[in-house]
Amino acid sequence: MTLDSPIDWSNIVPKKVSVRVNGHFTSVSLEQPFLDILKAVAQKKGQSLALMITDIDNKKPQTISLSASLRLYALHSILTQQF
């Protein structure tokens, strides 16, 4: 998707994703485009998605939800061209 391309609104509905973080299962609600970005970043880093999410969870402020942190991380990755 580029800035010029239309948004596929059918792909925007948040999905519940179950992931193991620090040894415990939790779920996050993410739209598919954010999930795709996170998977691509994890692959580029040679990490599993779960390990990358655990790293993000350990570094984020406790006042920010994990879902919001993952969206911000995905946005940061795009803006800094990390994938």
Protein backbone atom coordinates (compact mmCIF):
# COMPACT_ATOMS: atom_id res chain seq x y z
CA MET A 1 0.00 0.00 0.00
CA THR A 2 1.32 3.41 -0.92
CA LEU A 3 -0.04 6.82 -0.04
CA ASP A 4 -1.58 6.99 -3.53
CA SER A 5 -3.31 3.60 -3.37
CA PRO A 6 -6.83 3.20 -2.01
CA ILE A 7 -7.29 1.64 1.40
CA ASP A 8 -8.70 -1.88 1.46
CA TRP A 9 -11.28 -1.26 4.18
CA SER A 10 -12.18 -4.96 4.35
CA ASN A 11 -8.70 -5.55 5.77
CA ILE A 12 -8.97 -2.96 8.56
CA VAL A 13 -11.11 -4.83 11.10
CA PRO A 14 -9.00 -5.53 14.22
CA LYS A 15 -8.16 -9.19 14.78
CA LYS A 16 -7.48 -10.81 18.13
CA VAL A 17 -4.04 -12.39 18.06
CA SER A 18 -2.92 -14.72 20.82
CA VAL A 19 0.78 -14.48 21.65
CA ARG A 20 3.05 -15.69 24.42
CA VAL A 21 4.71 -12.78 26.22
CA ASN A 22 7.13 -13.45 29.08
CA GLY A 23 5.84 -17.02 29.33
CA HIS A 24 2.17 -16.05 29.54
CA PHE A 25 -0.44 -16.08 26.79
CA THR A 26 -2.12 -12.78 26.09
CA SER A 27 -4.12 -11.42 23.21
CA VAL A 28 -3.81 -8.18 21.33
CA SER A 29 -6.21 -6.58 18.87
CA LEU A 30 -4.45 -5.45 15.71
CA GLU A 31 -5.51 -4.57 12.21
CA GLN A 32 -3.97 -6.85 9.57
CA PRO A 33 -1.73 -4.17 8.02
CA PHE A 34 -0.03 -3.58 11.40
CA LEU A 35 0.35 -7.32 11.89
CA ASP A 36 1.91 -7.65 8.43
CA ILE A 37 4.43 -4.90 9.21
CA LEU A 38 5.35 -6.46 12.56
CA LYS A 39 5.85 -9.89 10.94
CA ALA A 40 8.09 -8.34 8.26
CA VAL A 41 10.19 -6.49 10.85
CA ALA A 42 10.57 -9.63 12.98
CA GLN A 43 11.61 -11.63 9.92
CA LYS A 44 14.18 -9.00 8.94
CA LYS A 45 15.58 -9.07 12.48
CA GLY A 46 15.71 -12.88 12.42
CA GLN A 47 13.35 -13.07 15.40
CA SER A 48 10.06 -14.77 15.97
CA LEU A 49 7.09 -12.43 16.19
CA ALA A 50 6.51 -13.56 19.78
CA LEU A 51 10.08 -12.69 20.81
CA MET A 52 9.87 -9.27 19.20
CA ILE A 53 6.52 -8.60 20.89
CA THR A 54 8.03 -9.68 24.22
CA ASP A 55 10.91 -7.21 23.70
CA ILE A 56 8.46 -4.41 22.91
CA ASP A 57 6.33 -5.30 25.95
CA ASN A 58 9.37 -5.25 28.25
CA LYS A 59 10.47 -1.80 27.00
CA LYS A 60 7.13 0.02 26.74
CA PRO A 61 5.77 2.25 29.51
CA GLN A 62 3.19 0.45 31.66
CA THR A 63 0.70 3.23 30.92
CA ILE A 64 0.51 2.27 27.22
CA SER A 65 -1.38 -0.84 26.14
CA LEU A 66 0.48 -3.58 24.30
CA SER A 67 -1.77 -3.16 21.24
CA ALA A 68 -1.04 0.57 21.07
CA SER A 69 2.68 -0.07 21.57
CA LEU A 70 2.71 -2.54 18.69
CA ARG A 71 0.95 -0.08 16.39
CA LEU A 72 3.44 2.65 17.33
CA TYR A 73 6.36 0.26 16.81
CA ALA A 74 5.03 -0.67 13.36
CA LEU A 75 4.63 3.02 12.47
CA HIS A 76 8.13 3.80 13.74
CA SER A 77 9.51 0.91 11.66
CA ILE A 78 7.91 2.32 8.52
CA LEU A 79 9.04 5.88 9.21
CA THR A 80 12.62 4.78 9.86
CA GLN A 81 12.56 2.20 7.04
CA GLN A 82 13.55 -0.73 9.24
CA PHE A 83 12.10 -3.28 6.86
